[in-house]
Amino acid sequence: MKENEMIFGIRAVIEAILAEKEIDKILVKRDLQSDLSKELFDALKGKEIAVQRVPSERLDRVTRKNHQGVIAFLPAITYQKLEDIIPFLYEQGKNPFIVLLDGVTDVRNFGAIARTCECAGVDAIVIPAKGSVTVNADAMKTSAGALHVLPVCKEKSITQAIKFLQESGVKVYAASEKAYENYTGVKYEGPVAIVMGAEDTGVSMDNLRMCDQMVKIPQFGTIGSLNVSVASSILVYEVVRQRMDEQK
């Protein structure tokens, strides 16, 4: 990562937080304790910024500069707000098509999903502020430029995003092996959102309960699950297929 994509030093990071600078995540040395570090955590109160406690060796690998036990990472893009995008799409006479990622942490999977979504005409990808992948150089590279043009919304939580979408007239589908209905047996009519979960845990139970319907991709092998970027591609293009059939 280039040094212009991060801020290091406790005071510099505090000033960035107070200036409302957009920050993806902050790495803090595991045993850091000082008056200044207390000031840092006071500044972070109420902010949707992921903080990780890590060994000092991890910080030293990121930069050789005097980081004082704190490094903040800046996003490679400007995140957008779902509450701005949905009304805009309706004003344009479009049926929104949104993909939400619940707990996906692998940047290469994220980049591959973004590439598919951009090609398929998805209107935005939604990620949660904490416990999720962020848009870094690896994600940008894997997306083949898609993340330069596809809106990414960083919301407080996927749960709140689902609720907002439903209140906005969007029907939300969750991909889950717990579903009874195959993904091809569902009509994705009107405004649509698809929630994809992490490969190991899937969509969280709380979010599954909130969704309007669960769908599954049938599997006949012995491996537990499809790669999340592959599964996303299958579901996204089923929506595209159905929309194209409607236009014939």
Protein backbone atom coordinates (compact mmCIF):
# COMPACT_ATOMS: atom_id res chain seq x y z
CA MET A 1 0.00 0.00 0.00
CA LYS A 2 1.28 3.47 -0.89
CA GLU A 3 1.96 5.84 1.98
CA ASN A 4 -0.43 8.44 0.52
CA GLU A 5 -3.22 5.91 1.18
CA MET A 6 -2.64 5.92 4.94
CA ILE A 7 -2.10 8.19 7.91
CA PHE A 8 0.33 7.21 10.66
CA GLY A 9 1.04 8.66 14.09
CA ILE A 10 -1.50 9.07 16.88
CA ARG A 11 -1.92 12.85 16.65
CA ALA A 12 -2.24 12.80 12.85
CA VAL A 13 -4.92 10.08 13.03
CA ILE A 14 -6.84 11.95 15.75
CA GLU A 15 -6.81 15.11 13.62
CA ALA A 16 -8.07 13.14 10.60
CA ILE A 17 -10.96 11.70 12.66
CA LEU A 18 -11.92 15.10 14.05
CA ALA A 19 -11.79 16.57 10.54
CA GLU A 20 -14.36 13.92 9.46
CA LYS A 21 -11.88 12.48 6.95
CA GLU A 22 -13.12 9.22 5.43
CA ILE A 23 -11.21 6.32 7.02
CA ASP A 24 -11.61 2.63 6.17
CA LYS A 25 -9.98 1.12 9.23
CA ILE A 26 -7.37 1.80 11.91
CA LEU A 27 -4.67 -0.56 13.15
CA VAL A 28 -3.63 0.02 16.76
CA LYS A 29 -0.71 -1.65 18.51
CA ARG A 30 -2.11 -4.27 20.85
CA ASP A 31 -0.53 -2.97 24.07
CA LEU A 32 -0.77 0.75 23.28
CA GLN A 33 -1.66 2.72 26.41
CA SER A 34 -1.10 6.43 26.84
CA ASP A 35 -3.00 9.67 27.35
CA LEU A 36 -2.83 10.27 23.62
CA SER A 37 -4.22 6.81 22.83
CA LYS A 38 -7.11 7.53 25.24
CA GLU A 39 -7.72 10.71 23.25
CA LEU A 40 -7.76 8.63 20.07
CA PHE A 41 -10.43 6.27 21.38
CA ASP A 42 -12.46 9.22 22.67
CA ALA A 43 -12.38 10.68 19.15
CA LEU A 44 -13.55 7.33 17.74
CA LYS A 45 -16.67 7.17 19.94
CA GLY A 46 -19.78 7.18 17.77
CA LYS A 47 -17.78 6.78 14.56
CA GLU A 48 -18.36 3.89 12.17
CA ILE A 49 -14.67 3.09 11.79
CA ALA A 50 -13.29 -0.44 12.19
CA VAL A 51 -10.42 -0.68 14.69
CA GLN A 52 -8.10 -3.69 14.93
CA ARG A 53 -5.63 -4.36 17.75
CA VAL A 54 -2.52 -5.92 16.19
CA PRO A 55 1.08 -6.81 17.15
CA SER A 56 3.67 -4.09 16.51
CA GLU A 57 5.28 -6.32 13.84
CA ARG A 58 2.16 -5.97 11.70
CA LEU A 59 2.42 -2.19 11.83
CA ASP A 60 6.13 -2.31 11.03
CA ARG A 61 5.36 -4.36 7.91
CA VAL A 62 2.98 -1.67 6.70
CA THR A 63 5.40 1.25 7.06
CA ARG A 64 8.93 1.89 8.23
CA LYS A 65 7.99 5.42 9.32
CA ASN A 66 7.40 6.32 12.97
CA HIS A 67 3.78 5.18 13.26
CA GLN A 68 3.65 5.43 17.10
CA GLY A 69 1.49 2.31 17.16
CA VAL A 70 -1.35 3.69 15.02
CA ILE A 71 -2.03 3.52 11.26
CA ALA A 72 -5.23 4.66 9.57
CA PHE A 73 -6.11 3.43 6.06
CA LEU A 74 -7.88 5.72 3.60
CA PRO A 75 -10.41 4.31 1.12
CA ALA A 76 -9.40 4.05 -2.52
CA ILE A 77 -12.82 5.43 -3.53
CA THR A 78 -15.47 7.79 -2.20
CA TYR A 79 -18.26 5.76 -0.60
CA GLN A 80 -21.83 6.69 -1.38
CA LYS A 81 -25.05 6.57 0.62
CA LEU A 82 -27.87 4.17 -0.13
CA GLU A 83 -30.38 6.81 0.97
CA ASP A 84 -29.13 9.03 -1.88
CA ILE A 85 -28.88 6.33 -4.57
CA ILE A 86 -32.35 4.73 -4.24
CA PRO A 87 -34.40 7.96 -4.67
CA PHE A 88 -32.16 8.94 -7.59
CA LEU A 89 -32.81 5.60 -9.34
CA TYR A 90 -36.56 5.98 -8.88
CA GLU A 91 -36.39 9.53 -10.26
CA GLN A 92 -34.65 8.08 -13.34
CA GLY A 93 -37.56 5.66 -13.78
CA LYS A 94 -35.38 2.63 -12.97
CA ASN A 95 -36.06 -0.41 -10.83
CA PRO A 96 -33.12 -0.51 -8.38
CA PHE A 97 -30.87 -3.58 -8.46
CA ILE A 98 -28.63 -3.75 -5.39
CA VAL A 99 -26.17 -6.37 -4.08
CA LEU A 100 -25.41 -6.47 -0.34
CA LEU A 101 -22.36 -8.29 1.08
CA ASP A 102 -22.84 -9.60 4.61
CA GLY A 103 -19.50 -10.50 6.21
CA VAL A 104 -17.49 -10.90 2.99
CA THR A 105 -13.87 -10.13 3.92
CA ASP A 106 -11.77 -11.39 1.01
CA VAL A 107 -10.76 -8.43 -1.16
CA ARG A 108 -10.25 -10.51 -4.29
CA ASN A 109 -13.72 -12.00 -4.01
CA PHE A 110 -15.04 -8.49 -3.49
CA GLY A 111 -13.24 -7.23 -6.57
CA ALA A 112 -14.56 -10.13 -8.65
CA ILE A 113 -18.13 -9.49 -7.40
CA ALA A 114 -17.80 -5.80 -8.26
CA ARG A 115 -16.63 -6.70 -11.78
CA THR A 116 -19.66 -8.95 -12.32
CA CYS A 117 -22.05 -6.36 -10.86
CA GLU A 118 -20.73 -3.59 -13.09
CA CYS A 119 -21.01 -5.79 -16.20
CA ALA A 120 -24.56 -6.81 -15.23
CA GLY A 121 -25.79 -3.27 -14.61
CA VAL A 122 -26.17 -3.58 -10.82
CA ASP A 123 -26.78 -0.11 -9.40
CA ALA A 124 -24.70 -0.38 -6.20
CA ILE A 125 -22.91 -2.73 -3.83
CA VAL A 126 -23.52 -2.35 -0.09
CA ILE A 127 -21.00 -3.28 2.60
CA PRO A 128 -21.20 -2.75 6.39
CA ALA A 129 -18.88 -0.29 8.13
CA LYS A 130 -17.43 -2.99 10.38
CA GLY A 131 -16.51 -6.65 9.93
CA SER A 132 -16.28 -6.39 6.18
CA VAL A 133 -14.01 -6.02 3.21
CA THR A 134 -12.87 -2.51 2.28
CA VAL A 135 -11.96 -1.06 -1.08
CA ASN A 136 -8.18 -1.31 -1.28
CA ALA A 137 -5.65 -1.64 -4.10
CA ASP A 138 -6.12 -5.43 -4.41
CA ALA A 139 -9.90 -5.06 -4.71
CA MET A 140 -9.49 -2.31 -7.29
CA LYS A 141 -7.13 -4.47 -9.36
CA THR A 142 -9.34 -7.57 -9.21
CA SER A 143 -12.39 -5.52 -10.20
CA ALA A 144 -10.66 -4.60 -13.49
CA GLY A 145 -11.70 -0.97 -13.03
CA ALA A 146 -15.31 -1.69 -12.02
CA LEU A 147 -14.85 -0.07 -8.60
CA HIS A 148 -13.99 3.21 -10.32
CA VAL A 149 -17.53 3.42 -11.72
CA LEU A 150 -19.79 1.17 -9.62
CA PRO A 151 -21.17 2.92 -6.52
CA VAL A 152 -20.19 1.29 -3.21
CA CYS A 153 -22.27 2.16 -0.15
CA LYS A 154 -20.72 1.72 3.27
CA GLU A 155 -23.65 1.53 5.67
CA LYS A 156 -23.81 1.23 9.44
CA SER A 157 -25.02 -2.36 9.12
CA ILE A 158 -26.49 -4.73 6.54
CA THR A 159 -29.54 -5.07 8.80
CA GLN A 160 -30.26 -1.34 8.60
CA ALA A 161 -29.62 -1.36 4.85
CA ILE A 162 -32.14 -4.20 4.35
CA LYS A 163 -34.73 -2.32 6.41
CA PHE A 164 -34.19 0.86 4.40
CA LEU A 165 -34.47 -1.00 1.10
CA GLN A 166 -37.70 -2.70 2.14
CA GLU A 167 -39.16 0.63 3.28
CA SER A 168 -38.18 1.99 -0.14
CA GLY A 169 -40.14 -0.71 -1.99
CA VAL A 170 -37.21 -3.01 -2.78
CA LYS A 171 -37.73 -6.76 -2.36
CA VAL A 172 -34.73 -8.35 -0.66
CA TYR A 173 -33.58 -11.92 -1.42
CA ALA A 174 -30.93 -13.77 0.60
CA ALA A 175 -28.75 -16.50 -0.83
CA SER A 176 -28.67 -19.40 1.62
CA GLU A 177 -28.30 -23.18 1.55
CA LYS A 178 -31.09 -23.16 4.18
CA ALA A 179 -33.58 -22.05 1.52
CA TYR A 180 -36.23 -24.38 0.09
CA GLU A 181 -36.60 -22.53 -3.19
CA ASN A 182 -34.05 -22.81 -6.00
CA TYR A 183 -32.89 -19.46 -7.34
CA THR A 184 -34.42 -20.14 -10.78
CA GLY A 185 -37.86 -20.80 -9.28
CA VAL A 186 -38.32 -17.22 -8.09
CA LYS A 187 -39.61 -14.18 -10.01
CA TYR A 188 -37.31 -11.21 -9.40
CA GLU A 189 -39.81 -8.54 -10.37
CA GLY A 190 -39.50 -4.82 -9.82
CA PRO A 191 -36.87 -3.35 -7.48
CA VAL A 192 -34.53 -6.14 -6.31
CA ALA A 193 -31.72 -6.59 -3.79
CA ILE A 194 -29.66 -9.74 -3.23
CA VAL A 195 -27.79 -10.44 0.01
CA MET A 196 -24.68 -12.62 -0.25
CA GLY A 197 -22.92 -13.96 2.85
CA ALA A 198 -19.39 -14.98 3.74
CA GLU A 199 -18.30 -18.38 2.45
CA ASP A 200 -17.79 -19.85 5.93
CA THR A 201 -20.84 -18.49 7.77
CA GLY A 202 -23.24 -17.30 5.06
CA VAL A 203 -25.78 -14.55 5.64
CA SER A 204 -26.31 -13.96 9.36
CA MET A 205 -29.48 -15.40 10.93
CA ASP A 206 -30.73 -11.93 11.88
CA ASN A 207 -30.45 -10.77 8.28
CA LEU A 208 -31.96 -13.99 6.90
CA ARG A 209 -35.03 -13.41 9.06
CA MET A 210 -35.38 -9.85 7.74
CA CYS A 211 -35.19 -10.74 4.05
CA ASP A 212 -38.37 -11.21 2.02
CA GLN A 213 -37.27 -14.57 0.63
CA MET A 214 -34.35 -17.01 0.70
CA VAL A 215 -33.07 -18.74 -2.42
CA LYS A 216 -30.46 -21.43 -2.97
CA ILE A 217 -28.17 -22.58 -5.73
CA PRO A 218 -28.46 -26.39 -5.99
CA GLN A 219 -25.23 -28.27 -5.38
CA PHE A 220 -24.47 -31.89 -6.14
CA GLY A 221 -20.82 -32.24 -5.15
CA THR A 222 -19.15 -32.85 -1.80
CA ILE A 223 -17.63 -29.40 -1.22
CA GLY A 224 -19.63 -27.32 1.24
CA SER A 225 -20.26 -24.19 -0.79
CA LEU A 226 -19.55 -22.24 -3.95
CA ASN A 227 -17.06 -19.40 -3.97
CA VAL A 228 -19.06 -16.28 -3.05
CA SER A 229 -18.02 -14.40 -6.19
CA VAL A 230 -19.20 -17.31 -8.36
CA ALA A 231 -22.48 -17.60 -6.43
CA SER A 232 -23.02 -13.85 -6.77
CA SER A 233 -22.49 -14.07 -10.53
CA ILE A 234 -25.07 -16.86 -10.86
CA LEU A 235 -27.75 -14.97 -8.94
CA VAL A 236 -27.04 -11.57 -10.47
CA TYR A 237 -27.29 -12.93 -14.00
CA GLU A 238 -30.52 -14.77 -13.22
CA VAL A 239 -32.03 -11.37 -12.38
CA VAL A 240 -30.56 -9.99 -15.62
CA ARG A 241 -31.97 -12.94 -17.62
CA GLN A 242 -35.45 -12.45 -16.20
CA ARG A 243 -35.37 -8.71 -16.82
CA MET A 244 -34.29 -9.26 -20.41
CA ASP A 245 -37.12 -11.80 -20.92
CA GLU A 246 -39.63 -9.23 -19.62
CA GLN A 247 -38.45 -6.69 -22.20
CA LYS A 248 -38.97 -9.04 -25.18
